[in-house]
Structure formats: C-alpha cells, structure tokens
Amino acid sequence: MAKVIFWNRRALNKFESILIYLEETFSEKTAENFARVVHQKLIILSKNPEMGRLSQKDLSVRYISISKYNLLYYRIRENKLVVLTFFDTRQAPGKRPY
C-alpha cells in the first residue's frame, strides 16, 4: 500500500526557493522539469519508502538524490511519508541537516 505524502513547511519553502532560482537563472522549463522529477520520485517513494539511504546523523531519516545537486530528505511515519527538506550537495557535507 502506498504511503500518503506530506510536506513540512521547511520542505515547501526550500522547494519553492529552488524553483525560483532555476526559473530566474536558467528557464521556466528547467524549473518545470525539476518539479516533474520531484513529483515522479515521490510517487516511487510512496510505493517503496525504504529505498532511500539512511541518514548518518538521524537513522529515522532517509534521503534520495533528486538531481546532480539536490537531495530530498524524508521520514516514514506509519502510513505517511513526510518530506522534510532539500539539500544542495555543493555545500560542505557537514552542513547536511540530517
């Protein structure tokens, strides 16, 4: 049974800021493609929530690669998959939130 996807406020804010950055720096099409990839990966995750790698800082958190420069962090709660945040991999690894 697929998990229901929930977004926390931090994840929504990060997602929106990534879309704005991509649209302003590259194009609207690039931002749309990123949003489509996130949507597709979340559909896959909802059916296979344990496919993500375990976070080293918090073993209740998992992450997957969305693109070359973005990771998506999430937590599995009963019948829910909670999107926690996005992380830009060009930052120092020590800045990872989880």
Protein backbone atom coordinates (compact mmCIF):
# COMPACT_ATOMS: atom_id res chain seq x y z
CA MET A 1 0.00 0.00 0.00
CA ALA A 2 1.36 3.41 -0.97
CA LYS A 3 2.18 5.95 1.72
CA VAL A 4 0.42 9.30 1.80
CA ILE A 5 2.88 12.14 1.10
CA PHE A 6 3.04 15.14 3.43
CA TRP A 7 5.33 18.15 3.12
CA ASN A 8 6.52 20.11 6.13
CA ARG A 9 6.86 23.90 5.90
CA ARG A 10 10.66 23.78 5.56
CA ALA A 11 10.46 21.41 2.59
CA LEU A 12 7.84 23.56 0.87
CA ASN A 13 9.94 26.70 1.37
CA LYS A 14 13.10 25.02 0.06
CA PHE A 15 11.25 23.56 -2.92
CA GLU A 16 9.81 26.95 -3.80
CA SER A 17 13.18 28.66 -3.49
CA ILE A 18 14.81 26.04 -5.75
CA LEU A 19 12.09 26.54 -8.37
CA ILE A 20 12.51 30.34 -8.23
CA TYR A 21 16.29 30.02 -8.54
CA LEU A 22 16.04 27.64 -11.52
CA GLU A 23 13.49 29.83 -13.28
CA GLU A 24 15.48 33.06 -12.75
CA THR A 25 18.89 31.55 -13.51
CA PHE A 26 18.02 29.10 -16.27
CA SER A 27 14.44 28.95 -17.55
CA GLU A 28 10.86 28.18 -16.66
CA LYS A 29 11.24 24.85 -18.46
CA THR A 30 14.18 23.90 -16.21
CA ALA A 31 12.09 24.66 -13.12
CA GLU A 32 9.18 22.64 -14.52
CA ASN A 33 11.48 19.70 -15.24
CA PHE A 34 12.82 19.79 -11.67
CA ALA A 35 9.27 19.85 -10.26
CA ARG A 36 8.31 16.92 -12.52
CA VAL A 37 11.31 14.86 -11.36
CA VAL A 38 10.47 15.55 -7.70
CA HIS A 39 6.86 14.52 -8.32
CA GLN A 40 7.92 11.30 -10.09
CA LYS A 41 10.40 10.35 -7.37
CA LEU A 42 7.80 10.97 -4.67
CA ILE A 43 5.37 8.63 -6.43
CA ILE A 44 8.06 5.95 -6.49
CA LEU A 45 8.94 6.65 -2.84
CA SER A 46 5.33 6.41 -1.74
CA LYS A 47 5.26 2.84 -3.06
CA ASN A 48 8.80 1.94 -1.93
CA PRO A 49 9.56 4.20 1.05
CA GLU A 50 12.58 2.28 2.26
CA MET A 51 14.50 2.68 -0.98
CA GLY A 52 16.22 5.85 0.27
CA ARG A 53 19.53 5.74 2.06
CA LEU A 54 19.62 6.16 5.83
CA SER A 55 20.92 9.48 7.09
CA GLN A 56 24.15 9.26 9.07
CA LYS A 57 23.01 11.86 11.62
CA ASP A 58 19.47 10.55 12.25
CA LEU A 59 18.58 6.94 11.48
CA SER A 60 14.85 7.77 11.34
CA VAL A 61 15.51 9.94 8.27
CA ARG A 62 16.21 8.77 4.73
CA TYR A 63 17.26 10.60 1.58
CA ILE A 64 17.33 10.19 -2.17
CA SER A 65 19.06 12.06 -4.96
CA ILE A 66 16.71 14.27 -6.96
CA SER A 67 19.32 15.71 -9.30
CA LYS A 68 23.07 16.13 -9.52
CA TYR A 69 22.93 18.87 -6.89
CA ASN A 70 19.85 18.11 -4.77
CA LEU A 71 18.94 15.55 -2.14
CA LEU A 72 15.46 15.09 -0.71
CA TYR A 73 15.21 14.13 2.97
CA TYR A 74 12.14 12.34 4.28
CA ARG A 75 10.83 10.35 7.22
CA ILE A 76 8.45 7.37 7.25
CA ARG A 77 5.62 7.65 9.78
CA GLU A 78 3.04 4.83 9.88
CA ASN A 79 1.10 5.30 6.61
CA LYS A 80 2.79 8.64 5.81
CA LEU A 81 5.91 9.75 4.03
CA VAL A 82 6.92 13.17 5.35
CA VAL A 83 9.11 15.32 3.08
CA LEU A 84 11.48 17.14 5.45
CA THR A 85 13.79 19.26 3.30
CA PHE A 86 16.06 19.52 0.29
CA PHE A 87 19.84 19.85 0.45
CA ASP A 88 22.18 21.33 -2.15
CA THR A 89 25.11 18.90 -2.44
CA ARG A 90 27.52 21.66 -3.41
CA GLN A 91 27.59 22.72 0.24
CA ALA A 92 30.00 21.23 2.74
CA PRO A 93 28.83 17.74 3.80
CA GLY A 94 28.96 18.86 7.44
CA LYS A 95 26.04 21.19 6.75
CA ARG A 96 23.68 18.32 5.97
CA PRO A 97 20.58 18.78 8.11
CA TYR A 98 20.17 15.09 8.94
